[in-house]
């Protein structure tokens, strides 16, 4: 595994979805996890589904509005992260979107 060196908060942020879990009382089955590589600060957001719109809204409203824009966002190759909507979001906010490589 390659080590990535960062020098400041929000230089590189990772995002992933955990679940499905048993449905909570509020109807949530997934958790969106966002972690800063430099500070290792991690935020977790419950969500009922793991579609692109839900993830994009949580990323903007709960993470970016509180902490600011990351320079780089690293995700796996999940369809919700590779969608046109998510790519456009990152492009308009000048976030460099990177993804993990496939394991063989």
Protein backbone atom coordinates (compact mmCIF):
# COMPACT_ATOMS: atom_id res chain seq x y z
CA UNK A 1 0.00 0.00 0.00
CA UNK A 2 1.30 3.45 -0.92
CA UNK A 3 1.77 5.99 1.86
CA UNK A 4 0.41 9.45 1.12
CA UNK A 5 2.12 12.42 2.82
CA UNK A 6 -0.01 15.47 3.61
CA UNK A 7 1.02 18.77 5.16
CA UNK A 8 -2.20 20.49 6.19
CA UNK A 9 -5.82 19.88 7.19
CA UNK A 10 -8.23 19.42 4.26
CA UNK A 11 -5.37 18.77 1.85
CA UNK A 12 -6.71 15.25 1.32
CA UNK A 13 -9.96 13.77 2.62
CA UNK A 14 -11.22 10.20 2.27
CA UNK A 15 -14.86 9.15 1.97
CA UNK A 16 -16.57 5.76 2.13
CA UNK A 17 -19.94 4.19 2.87
CA UNK A 18 -20.44 1.50 5.52
CA UNK A 19 -23.40 -0.86 5.61
CA UNK A 20 -26.04 -1.97 5.18
CA UNK A 21 -26.79 -2.28 8.86
CA UNK A 22 -30.13 -3.16 10.46
CA UNK A 23 -32.51 -0.24 9.96
CA UNK A 24 -32.42 2.27 12.85
CA UNK A 25 -35.49 3.82 14.47
CA UNK A 26 -34.98 6.78 12.12
CA UNK A 27 -34.79 4.57 9.04
CA UNK A 28 -31.03 4.73 8.49
CA UNK A 29 -29.14 1.69 7.19
CA UNK A 30 -25.83 3.19 6.02
CA UNK A 31 -23.09 5.42 7.40
CA UNK A 32 -21.14 7.93 5.33
CA UNK A 33 -17.62 8.24 6.77
CA UNK A 34 -15.36 11.19 5.90
CA UNK A 35 -11.83 11.41 7.32
CA UNK A 36 -9.08 14.02 6.99
CA UNK A 37 -5.68 12.47 6.23
CA UNK A 38 -3.67 15.11 8.15
CA UNK A 39 -5.64 15.49 11.39
CA UNK A 40 -7.28 12.05 11.19
CA UNK A 41 -10.51 13.78 12.23
CA UNK A 42 -13.37 11.53 11.22
CA UNK A 43 -17.04 12.36 10.79
CA UNK A 44 -19.84 9.79 10.41
CA UNK A 45 -23.29 10.57 9.03
CA UNK A 46 -26.24 8.15 9.12
CA UNK A 47 -28.28 7.83 5.94
CA UNK A 48 -31.25 5.75 4.81
CA UNK A 49 -29.79 4.90 1.39
CA UNK A 50 -26.44 5.13 -0.32
CA UNK A 51 -27.38 6.94 -3.50
CA UNK A 52 -25.37 9.75 -5.07
CA UNK A 53 -27.83 12.52 -4.17
CA UNK A 54 -27.88 11.62 -0.47
CA UNK A 55 -24.09 11.39 -0.30
CA UNK A 56 -23.56 14.65 -2.22
CA UNK A 57 -26.01 16.51 0.04
CA UNK A 58 -24.38 15.23 3.23
CA UNK A 59 -20.91 16.02 1.89
CA UNK A 60 -21.86 19.64 1.13
CA UNK A 61 -24.27 20.42 3.98
CA UNK A 62 -22.62 18.52 6.83
CA UNK A 63 -18.93 18.48 5.92
CA UNK A 64 -18.01 21.32 3.55
CA UNK A 65 -20.27 23.87 5.27
CA UNK A 66 -18.68 23.04 8.64
CA UNK A 67 -15.03 22.46 7.75
CA UNK A 68 -14.42 23.97 4.31
CA UNK A 69 -13.46 22.61 0.91
CA UNK A 70 -10.92 19.83 0.74
CA UNK A 71 -8.27 20.11 -1.95
CA UNK A 72 -8.53 16.42 -2.76
CA UNK A 73 -11.23 13.81 -2.15
CA UNK A 74 -10.27 10.12 -2.23
CA UNK A 75 -12.93 7.40 -2.57
CA UNK A 76 -13.26 3.82 -3.72
CA UNK A 77 -14.74 3.02 -7.12
CA UNK A 78 -18.33 2.76 -5.89
CA UNK A 79 -20.88 3.85 -8.47
CA UNK A 80 -22.19 6.65 -6.26
CA UNK A 81 -18.70 8.24 -6.21
CA UNK A 82 -18.06 7.77 -9.95
CA UNK A 83 -21.39 9.20 -11.09
CA UNK A 84 -21.77 12.25 -13.32
CA UNK A 85 -23.43 14.18 -10.47
CA UNK A 86 -20.58 13.54 -8.04
CA UNK A 87 -17.92 14.30 -10.66
CA UNK A 88 -19.69 17.57 -11.51
CA UNK A 89 -19.92 18.50 -7.82
CA UNK A 90 -16.18 18.02 -7.35
CA UNK A 91 -15.38 19.84 -10.59
CA UNK A 92 -17.51 22.90 -9.73
CA UNK A 93 -15.96 23.11 -6.27
CA UNK A 94 -12.42 22.61 -7.63
CA UNK A 95 -11.91 19.43 -5.61
CA UNK A 96 -9.40 17.01 -7.11
CA UNK A 97 -11.24 13.66 -7.08
CA UNK A 98 -9.09 10.53 -6.80
CA UNK A 99 -10.05 6.88 -6.45
CA UNK A 100 -8.52 3.64 -5.29
CA UNK A 101 -7.14 1.24 -7.85
CA UNK A 102 -8.71 -2.17 -8.39
CA UNK A 103 -7.22 -5.08 -6.46
CA UNK A 104 -6.34 -8.14 -8.48
